[in-house]
Amino acid sequence: MSKYISVVLFALGFAQPALAQKMDADDLKWINQCIGDNKGEEGGTPAIIRAYCICMNEKMDDNETQSITQWEKANPDARKDCEKQAGWK
């Protein structure tokens, strides 16, 4: 039972960034593209990649035209912060 509770709390921890800002279809499109771009990266479990992409999307301006993957290259501090928040090691 405690293992189940730990898994639920762990999942909720990754869901929190998504609750900070209401996402629209455009956000979801960019987040899904980011998830696809980062699939298979070393140390990137699906939950970590999702949390990372949500974090990066939240850091970007709503009027940004670059993809998350393009934007992260020009913003290494944001990338490092989101890696840390997502638990990417």
PDB file of N, CA and C in Angstrom:
ATOM      1  N   MET A   1       0.821  -1.191   0.000  1.00  0.00           N
ATOM      2  CA  MET A   1       0.000   0.000   0.000  1.00  0.00           C
ATOM      3  C   MET A   1       0.866   1.257   0.000  1.00  0.00           C
ATOM      4  N   SER A   2       1.922   1.307   0.816  1.00  0.00           N
ATOM      5  CA  SER A   2       2.752   2.502   0.870  1.00  0.00           C
ATOM      6  C   SER A   2       3.484   2.726  -0.450  1.00  0.00           C
ATOM      7  N   LYS A   3       3.794   1.644  -1.169  1.00  0.00           N
ATOM      8  CA  LYS A   3       4.429   1.775  -2.475  1.00  0.00           C
ATOM      9  C   LYS A   3       3.467   2.473  -3.436  1.00  0.00           C
ATOM     10  N   TYR A   4       2.191   2.108  -3.373  1.00  0.00           N
ATOM     11  CA  TYR A   4       1.182   2.733  -4.222  1.00  0.00           C
ATOM     12  C   TYR A   4       1.078   4.223  -3.905  1.00  0.00           C
ATOM     13  N   ILE A   5       1.056   4.578  -2.641  1.00  0.00           N
ATOM     14  CA  ILE A   5       0.961   5.976  -2.233  1.00  0.00           C
ATOM     15  C   ILE A   5       2.185   6.748  -2.717  1.00  0.00           C
ATOM     16  N   SER A   6       3.355   6.143  -2.625  1.00  0.00           N
ATOM     17  CA  SER A   6       4.576   6.794  -3.089  1.00  0.00           C
ATOM     18  C   SER A   6       4.512   7.077  -4.586  1.00  0.00           C
ATOM     19  N   VAL A   7       4.002   6.124  -5.347  1.00  0.00           N
ATOM     20  CA  VAL A   7       3.884   6.304  -6.797  1.00  0.00           C
ATOM     21  C   VAL A   7       2.913   7.435  -7.109  1.00  0.00           C
ATOM     22  N   VAL A   8       1.788   7.486  -6.411  1.00  0.00           N
ATOM     23  CA  VAL A   8       0.803   8.544  -6.639  1.00  0.00           C
ATOM     24  C   VAL A   8       1.394   9.904  -6.283  1.00  0.00           C
ATOM     25  N   LEU A   9       2.054   9.998  -5.147  1.00  0.00           N
ATOM     26  CA  LEU A   9       2.661  11.271  -4.750  1.00  0.00           C
ATOM     27  C   LEU A   9       3.756  11.682  -5.720  1.00  0.00           C
ATOM     28  N   PHE A  10       4.527  10.728  -6.191  1.00  0.00           N
ATOM     29  CA  PHE A  10       5.569  10.995  -7.177  1.00  0.00           C
ATOM     30  C   PHE A  10       4.941  11.551  -8.451  1.00  0.00           C
ATOM     31  N   ALA A  11       3.873  10.930  -8.920  1.00  0.00           N
ATOM     32  CA  ALA A  11       3.187  11.376 -10.139  1.00  0.00           C
ATOM     33  C   ALA A  11       2.592  12.765  -9.949  1.00  0.00           C
ATOM     34  N   LEU A  12       2.019  13.019  -8.793  1.00  0.00           N
ATOM     35  CA  LEU A  12       1.454  14.338  -8.519  1.00  0.00           C
ATOM     36  C   LEU A  12       2.535  15.406  -8.482  1.00  0.00           C
ATOM     37  N   GLY A  13       3.699  15.058  -8.014  1.00  0.00           N
ATOM     38  CA  GLY A  13       4.810  16.012  -7.997  1.00  0.00           C
ATOM     39  C   GLY A  13       5.171  16.470  -9.388  1.00  0.00           C
ATOM     40  N   PHE A  14       5.097  15.571 -10.362  1.00  0.00           N
ATOM     41  CA  PHE A  14       5.391  15.945 -11.732  1.00  0.00           C
ATOM     42  C   PHE A  14       4.221  16.665 -12.376  1.00  0.00           C
ATOM     43  N   ALA A  15       3.037  16.505 -11.848  1.00  0.00           N
ATOM     44  CA  ALA A  15       1.873  17.168 -12.418  1.00  0.00           C
ATOM     45  C   ALA A  15       1.779  18.618 -11.963  1.00  0.00           C
ATOM     46  N   GLN A  16       2.427  18.971 -10.865  1.00  0.00           N
ATOM     47  CA  GLN A  16       2.315  20.316 -10.334  1.00  0.00           C
ATOM     48  C   GLN A  16       2.684  21.403 -11.333  1.00  0.00           C
ATOM     49  N   PRO A  17       3.781  21.292 -12.089  1.00  0.00           N
ATOM     50  CA  PRO A  17       4.062  22.355 -13.045  1.00  0.00           C
ATOM     51  C   PRO A  17       2.915  22.551 -14.035  1.00  0.00           C
ATOM     52  N   ALA A  18       2.246  21.498 -14.394  1.00  0.00           N
ATOM     53  CA  ALA A  18       1.140  21.610 -15.337  1.00  0.00           C
ATOM     54  C   ALA A  18      -0.019  22.381 -14.721  1.00  0.00           C
ATOM     55  N   LEU A  19      -0.153  22.346 -13.412  1.00  0.00           N
ATOM     56  CA  LEU A  19      -1.250  23.034 -12.748  1.00  0.00           C
ATOM     57  C   LEU A  19      -0.970  24.512 -12.555  1.00  0.00           C
ATOM     58  N   ALA A  20       0.273  24.926 -12.668  1.00  0.00           N
ATOM     59  CA  ALA A  20       0.634  26.315 -12.431  1.00  0.00           C
ATOM     60  C   ALA A  20       0.089  27.233 -13.513  1.00  0.00           C
ATOM     61  N   GLN A  21      -0.081  26.725 -14.688  1.00  0.00           N
ATOM     62  CA  GLN A  21      -0.527  27.527 -15.821  1.00  0.00           C
ATOM     63  C   GLN A  21      -1.469  26.689 -16.664  1.00  0.00           C
ATOM     64  N   LYS A  22      -2.575  27.256 -17.052  1.00  0.00           N
ATOM     65  CA  LYS A  22      -3.522  26.513 -17.890  1.00  0.00           C
ATOM     66  C   LYS A  22      -2.914  26.352 -19.280  1.00  0.00           C
ATOM     67  N   MET A  23      -2.895  25.120 -19.760  1.00  0.00           N
ATOM     68  CA  MET A  23      -2.326  24.843 -21.071  1.00  0.00           C
ATOM     69  C   MET A  23      -3.422  24.822 -22.124  1.00  0.00           C
ATOM     70  N   ASP A  24      -3.083  25.365 -23.281  1.00  0.00           N
ATOM     71  CA  ASP A  24      -4.008  25.313 -24.401  1.00  0.00           C
ATOM     72  C   ASP A  24      -3.464  24.341 -25.447  1.00  0.00           C
ATOM     73  N   ALA A  25      -4.149  24.231 -26.559  1.00  0.00           N
ATOM     74  CA  ALA A  25      -3.751  23.281 -27.601  1.00  0.00           C
ATOM     75  C   ALA A  25      -2.355  23.584 -28.138  1.00  0.00           C
ATOM     76  N   ASP A  26      -2.008  24.862 -28.224  1.00  0.00           N
ATOM     77  CA  ASP A  26      -0.685  25.236 -28.720  1.00  0.00           C
ATOM     78  C   ASP A  26       0.405  24.774 -27.756  1.00  0.00           C
ATOM     79  N   ASP A  27       0.176  24.966 -26.446  1.00  0.00           N
ATOM     80  CA  ASP A  27       1.141  24.494 -25.444  1.00  0.00           C
ATOM     81  C   ASP A  27       1.327  22.985 -25.565  1.00  0.00           C
ATOM     82  N   LEU A  28       0.231  22.268 -25.667  1.00  0.00           N
ATOM     83  CA  LEU A  28       0.301  20.808 -25.757  1.00  0.00           C
ATOM     84  C   LEU A  28       1.049  20.360 -27.011  1.00  0.00           C
ATOM     85  N   LYS A  29       0.851  21.088 -28.102  1.00  0.00           N
ATOM     86  CA  LYS A  29       1.564  20.765 -29.345  1.00  0.00           C
ATOM     87  C   LYS A  29       3.071  20.887 -29.135  1.00  0.00           C
ATOM     88  N   TRP A  30       3.511  21.994 -28.524  1.00  0.00           N
ATOM     89  CA  TRP A  30       4.946  22.216 -28.298  1.00  0.00           C
ATOM     90  C   TRP A  30       5.501  21.224 -27.287  1.00  0.00           C
ATOM     91  N   ILE A  31       4.746  20.947 -26.229  1.00  0.00           N
ATOM     92  CA  ILE A  31       5.202  19.988 -25.215  1.00  0.00           C
ATOM     93  C   ILE A  31       5.342  18.599 -25.831  1.00  0.00           C
ATOM     94  N   ASN A  32       4.364  18.185 -26.626  1.00  0.00           N
ATOM     95  CA  ASN A  32       4.439  16.869 -27.264  1.00  0.00           C
ATOM     96  C   ASN A  32       5.611  16.783 -28.237  1.00  0.00           C
ATOM     97  N   GLN A  33       5.889  17.877 -28.947  1.00  0.00           N
ATOM     98  CA  GLN A  33       7.044  17.884 -29.850  1.00  0.00           C
ATOM     99  C   GLN A  33       8.332  17.766 -29.039  1.00  0.00           C
ATOM    100  N   CYS A  34       8.416  18.475 -27.926  1.00  0.00           N
ATOM    101  CA  CYS A  34       9.585  18.405 -27.037  1.00  0.00           C
ATOM    102  C   CYS A  34       9.770  16.983 -26.509  1.00  0.00           C
ATOM    103  N   ILE A  35       8.689  16.364 -26.102  1.00  0.00           N
ATOM    104  CA  ILE A  35       8.758  14.985 -25.602  1.00  0.00           C
ATOM    105  C   ILE A  35       9.321  14.073 -26.691  1.00  0.00           C
ATOM    106  N   GLY A  36       8.829  14.232 -27.906  1.00  0.00           N
ATOM    107  CA  GLY A  36       9.334  13.432 -29.019  1.00  0.00           C
ATOM    108  C   GLY A  36      10.804  13.709 -29.303  1.00  0.00           C
ATOM    109  N   ASP A  37      11.191  14.981 -29.236  1.00  0.00           N
ATOM    110  CA  ASP A  37      12.582  15.364 -29.495  1.00  0.00           C
ATOM    111  C   ASP A  37      13.536  14.788 -28.459  1.00  0.00           C
ATOM    112  N   ASN A  38      13.057  14.605 -27.231  1.00  0.00           N
ATOM    113  CA  ASN A  38      13.915  14.141 -26.142  1.00  0.00           C
ATOM    114  C   ASN A  38      13.792  12.652 -25.843  1.00  0.00           C
ATOM    115  N   LYS A  39      12.925  11.967 -26.565  1.00  0.00           N
ATOM    116  CA  LYS A  39      12.739  10.535 -26.357  1.00  0.00           C
ATOM    117  C   LYS A  39      14.070   9.823 -26.586  1.00  0.00           C
ATOM    118  N   GLY A  40      14.425   8.958 -25.664  1.00  0.00           N
ATOM    119  CA  GLY A  40      15.657   8.188 -25.802  1.00  0.00           C
ATOM    120  C   GLY A  40      16.893   8.884 -25.257  1.00  0.00           C
ATOM    121  N   GLU A  41      16.741  10.117 -24.764  1.00  0.00           N
ATOM    122  CA  GLU A  41      17.895  10.807 -24.170  1.00  0.00           C
ATOM    123  C   GLU A  41      18.304  10.097 -22.884  1.00  0.00           C
ATOM    124  N   GLU A  42      19.587  10.020 -22.655  1.00  0.00           N
ATOM    125  CA  GLU A  42      20.115   9.332 -21.478  1.00  0.00           C
ATOM    126  C   GLU A  42      19.560   9.949 -20.192  1.00  0.00           C
ATOM    127  N   GLY A  43      19.042   9.092 -19.318  1.00  0.00           N
ATOM    128  CA  GLY A  43      18.508   9.526 -18.032  1.00  0.00           C
ATOM    129  C   GLY A  43      17.111  10.097 -18.102  1.00  0.00           C
ATOM    130  N   GLY A  44      16.532  10.130 -19.287  1.00  0.00           N
ATOM    131  CA  GLY A  44      15.217  10.730 -19.459  1.00  0.00           C
ATOM    132  C   GLY A  44      14.101   9.707 -19.481  1.00  0.00           C
ATOM    133  N   THR A  45      13.548   9.438 -18.314  1.00  0.00           N
ATOM    134  CA  THR A  45      12.369   8.570 -18.266  1.00  0.00           C
ATOM    135  C   THR A  45      11.190   9.365 -18.840  1.00  0.00           C
ATOM    136  N   PRO A  46      10.110   8.703 -19.226  1.00  0.00           N
ATOM    137  CA  PRO A  46       8.956   9.450 -19.745  1.00  0.00           C
ATOM    138  C   PRO A  46       8.458  10.534 -18.780  1.00  0.00           C
ATOM    139  N   ALA A  47       8.406  10.246 -17.497  1.00  0.00           N
ATOM    140  CA  ALA A  47       7.938  11.233 -16.521  1.00  0.00           C
ATOM    141  C   ALA A  47       8.893  12.415 -16.415  1.00  0.00           C
ATOM    142  N   ILE A  48      10.186  12.157 -16.446  1.00  0.00           N
ATOM    143  CA  ILE A  48      11.178  13.230 -16.356  1.00  0.00           C
ATOM    144  C   ILE A  48      11.123  14.099 -17.609  1.00  0.00           C
ATOM    145  N   ILE A  49      11.045  13.468 -18.764  1.00  0.00           N
ATOM    146  CA  ILE A  49      10.985  14.229 -20.013  1.00  0.00           C
ATOM    147  C   ILE A  49       9.729  15.096 -20.051  1.00  0.00           C
ATOM    148  N   ARG A  50       8.618  14.539 -19.630  1.00  0.00           N
ATOM    149  CA  ARG A  50       7.364  15.306 -19.613  1.00  0.00           C
ATOM    150  C   ARG A  50       7.480  16.505 -18.673  1.00  0.00           C
ATOM    151  N   ALA A  51       7.999  16.290 -17.474  1.00  0.00           N
ATOM    152  CA  ALA A  51       8.160  17.381 -16.515  1.00  0.00           C
ATOM    153  C   ALA A  51       9.117  18.443 -17.060  1.00  0.00           C
ATOM    154  N   TYR A  52      10.179  18.014 -17.698  1.00  0.00           N
ATOM    155  CA  TYR A  52      11.156  18.935 -18.289  1.00  0.00           C
ATOM    156  C   TYR A  52      10.487  19.785 -19.373  1.00  0.00           C
ATOM    157  N   CYS A  53       9.752  19.153 -20.259  1.00  0.00           N
ATOM    158  CA  CYS A  53       9.122  19.868 -21.364  1.00  0.00           C
ATOM    159  C   CYS A  53       8.055  20.845 -20.869  1.00  0.00           C
ATOM    160  N   ILE A  54       7.295  20.455 -19.868  1.00  0.00           N
ATOM    161  CA  ILE A  54       6.301  21.364 -19.285  1.00  0.00           C
ATOM    162  C   ILE A  54       7.010  22.561 -18.662  1.00  0.00           C
ATOM    163  N   CYS A  55       8.071  22.327 -17.933  1.00  0.00           N
ATOM    164  CA  CYS A  55       8.841  23.404 -17.308  1.00  0.00           C
ATOM    165  C   CYS A  55       9.363  24.369 -18.372  1.00  0.00           C
ATOM    166  N   MET A  56       9.961  23.824 -19.431  1.00  0.00           N
ATOM    167  CA  MET A  56      10.508  24.669 -20.493  1.00  0.00           C
ATOM    168  C   MET A  56       9.393  25.476 -21.157  1.00  0.00           C
ATOM    169  N   ASN A  57       8.264  24.857 -21.404  1.00  0.00           N
ATOM    170  CA  ASN A  57       7.142  25.565 -22.021  1.00  0.00           C
ATOM    171  C   ASN A  57       6.678  26.720 -21.142  1.00  0.00           C
ATOM    172  N   GLU A  58       6.653  26.505 -19.830  1.00  0.00           N
ATOM    173  CA  GLU A  58       6.213  27.558 -18.914  1.00  0.00           C
ATOM    174  C   GLU A  58       7.200  28.719 -18.860  1.00  0.00           C
ATOM    175  N   LYS A  59       8.474  28.455 -19.100  1.00  0.00           N
ATOM    176  CA  LYS A  59       9.481  29.514 -19.077  1.00  0.00           C
ATOM    177  C   LYS A  59       9.445  30.384 -20.335  1.00  0.00           C
ATOM    178  N   MET A  60       8.900  29.837 -21.407  1.00  0.00           N
ATOM    179  CA  MET A  60       8.873  30.550 -22.672  1.00  0.00           C
ATOM    180  C   MET A  60       7.732  31.565 -22.713  1.00  0.00           C
ATOM    181  N   ASP A  61       7.959  32.652 -23.429  1.00  0.00           N
ATOM    182  CA  ASP A  61       6.935  33.663 -23.653  1.00  0.00           C
ATOM    183  C   ASP A  61       5.819  33.066 -24.512  1.00  0.00           C
ATOM    184  N   ASP A  62       4.589  33.482 -24.269  1.00  0.00           N
ATOM    185  CA  ASP A  62       3.452  32.961 -25.037  1.00  0.00           C
ATOM    186  C   ASP A  62       3.557  33.283 -26.528  1.00  0.00           C
ATOM    187  N   ASN A  63       4.315  34.303 -26.874  1.00  0.00           N
ATOM    188  CA  ASN A  63       4.442  34.702 -28.274  1.00  0.00           C
ATOM    189  C   ASN A  63       5.672  34.109 -28.959  1.00  0.00           C
ATOM    190  N   GLU A  64       6.378  33.230 -28.265  1.00  0.00           N
ATOM    191  CA  GLU A  64       7.585  32.605 -28.832  1.00  0.00           C
ATOM    192  C   GLU A  64       7.209  31.755 -30.045  1.00  0.00           C
ATOM    193  N   THR A  65       8.008  31.864 -31.097  1.00  0.00           N
ATOM    194  CA  THR A  65       7.726  31.099 -32.312  1.00  0.00           C
ATOM    195  C   THR A  65       8.653  29.897 -32.479  1.00  0.00           C
ATOM    196  N   GLN A  66       9.725  29.850 -31.690  1.00  0.00           N
ATOM    197  CA  GLN A  66      10.636  28.707 -31.767  1.00  0.00           C
ATOM    198  C   GLN A  66      10.047  27.522 -31.018  1.00  0.00           C
ATOM    199  N   SER A  67      10.463  26.331 -31.426  1.00  0.00           N
ATOM    200  CA  SER A  67      10.081  25.141 -30.667  1.00  0.00           C
ATOM    201  C   SER A  67      10.844  25.158 -29.342  1.00  0.00           C
ATOM    202  N   ILE A  68      10.411  24.346 -28.408  1.00  0.00           N
ATOM    203  CA  ILE A  68      11.120  24.235 -27.129  1.00  0.00           C
ATOM    204  C   ILE A  68      12.550  23.787 -27.376  1.00  0.00           C
ATOM    205  N   THR A  69      12.737  22.845 -28.282  1.00  0.00           N
ATOM    206  CA  THR A  69      14.069  22.327 -28.575  1.00  0.00           C
ATOM    207  C   THR A  69      14.971  23.415 -29.137  1.00  0.00           C
ATOM    208  N   GLN A  70      14.449  24.272 -29.996  1.00  0.00           N
ATOM    209  CA  GLN A  70      15.239  25.386 -30.529  1.00  0.00           C
ATOM    210  C   GLN A  70      15.532  26.407 -29.427  1.00  0.00           C
ATOM    211  N   TRP A  71      14.519  26.729 -28.636  1.00  0.00           N
ATOM    212  CA  TRP A  71      14.632  27.756 -27.609  1.00  0.00           C
ATOM    213  C   TRP A  71      15.603  27.362 -26.517  1.00  0.00           C
ATOM    214  N   GLU A  72      15.630  26.074 -26.154  1.00  0.00           N
ATOM    215  CA  GLU A  72      16.495  25.632 -25.058  1.00  0.00           C
ATOM    216  C   GLU A  72      17.967  25.835 -25.395  1.00  0.00           C
ATOM    217  N   LYS A  73      18.325  25.758 -26.675  1.00  0.00           N
ATOM    218  CA  LYS A  73      19.722  25.941 -27.078  1.00  0.00           C
ATOM    219  C   LYS A  73      20.185  27.373 -26.847  1.00  0.00           C
ATOM    220  N   ALA A  74      19.272  28.331 -26.972  1.00  0.00           N
ATOM    221  CA  ALA A  74      19.602  29.739 -26.765  1.00  0.00           C
ATOM    222  C   ALA A  74      19.427  30.170 -25.305  1.00  0.00           C
ATOM    223  N   ASN A  75      18.895  29.286 -24.471  1.00  0.00           N
ATOM    224  CA  ASN A  75      18.606  29.621 -23.074  1.00  0.00           C
ATOM    225  C   ASN A  75      19.105  28.523 -22.141  1.00  0.00           C
ATOM    226  N   PRO A  76      20.433  28.372 -22.040  1.00  0.00           N
ATOM    227  CA  PRO A  76      20.991  27.271 -21.246  1.00  0.00           C
ATOM    228  C   PRO A  76      20.644  27.339 -19.760  1.00  0.00           C
ATOM    229  N   ASP A  77      20.463  28.538 -19.218  1.00  0.00           N
ATOM    230  CA  ASP A  77      20.108  28.632 -17.794  1.00  0.00           C
ATOM    231  C   ASP A  77      18.717  28.058 -17.542  1.00  0.00           C
ATOM    232  N   ALA A  78      17.778  28.348 -18.441  1.00  0.00           N
ATOM    233  CA  ALA A  78      16.425  27.795 -18.315  1.00  0.00           C
ATOM    234  C   ALA A  78      16.475  26.276 -18.459  1.00  0.00           C
ATOM    235  N   ARG A  79      17.280  25.798 -19.404  1.00  0.00           N
ATOM    236  CA  ARG A  79      17.413  24.348 -19.622  1.00  0.00           C
ATOM    237  C   ARG A  79      17.932  23.673 -18.357  1.00  0.00           C
ATOM    238  N   LYS A  80      18.984  24.239 -17.769  1.00  0.00           N
ATOM    239  CA  LYS A  80      19.565  23.648 -16.556  1.00  0.00           C
ATOM    240  C   LYS A  80      18.564  23.667 -15.406  1.00  0.00           C
ATOM    241  N   ASP A  81      17.830  24.760 -15.276  1.00  0.00           N
ATOM    242  CA  ASP A  81      16.837  24.859 -14.203  1.00  0.00           C
ATOM    243  C   ASP A  81      15.740  23.810 -14.380  1.00  0.00           C
ATOM    244  N   CYS A  82      15.265  23.632 -15.603  1.00  0.00           N
ATOM    245  CA  CYS A  82      14.208  22.650 -15.847  1.00  0.00           C
ATOM    246  C   CYS A  82      14.722  21.222 -15.693  1.00  0.00           C
ATOM    247  N   GLU A  83      15.970  20.982 -16.086  1.00  0.00           N
ATOM    248  CA  GLU A  83      16.556  19.654 -15.865  1.00  0.00           C
ATOM    249  C   GLU A  83      16.567  19.346 -14.373  1.00  0.00           C
ATOM    250  N   LYS A  84      16.956  20.332 -13.585  1.00  0.00           N
ATOM    251  CA  LYS A  84      17.014  20.150 -12.126  1.00  0.00           C
ATOM    252  C   LYS A  84      15.615  19.918 -11.555  1.00  0.00           C
ATOM    253  N   GLN A  85      14.658  20.754 -11.965  1.00  0.00           N
ATOM    254  CA  GLN A  85      13.277  20.622 -11.467  1.00  0.00           C
ATOM    255  C   GLN A  85      12.667  19.272 -11.844  1.00  0.00           C
ATOM    256  N   ALA A  86      12.996  18.786 -13.034  1.00  0.00           N
ATOM    257  CA  ALA A  86      12.427  17.530 -13.510  1.00  0.00           C
ATOM    258  C   ALA A  86      13.139  16.303 -12.917  1.00  0.00           C
ATOM    259  N   GLY A  87      14.311  16.513 -12.322  1.00  0.00           N
ATOM    260  CA  GLY A  87      15.058  15.397 -11.756  1.00  0.00           C
ATOM    261  C   GLY A  87      15.928  14.683 -12.773  1.00  0.00           C
ATOM    262  N   TRP A  88      16.261  15.385 -13.848  1.00  0.00           N
ATOM    263  CA  TRP A  88      17.098  14.792 -14.898  1.00  0.00           C
ATOM    264  C   TRP A  88      18.543  14.812 -14.450  1.00  0.00           C
ATOM    265  N   LYS A  89      19.177  13.659 -14.427  1.00  0.00           N
ATOM    266  CA  LYS A  89      20.570  13.571 -13.970  1.00  0.00           C
ATOM    267  C   LYS A  89      21.444  13.063 -15.076  1.00  0.00           C
TER     268      LYS A  89
END
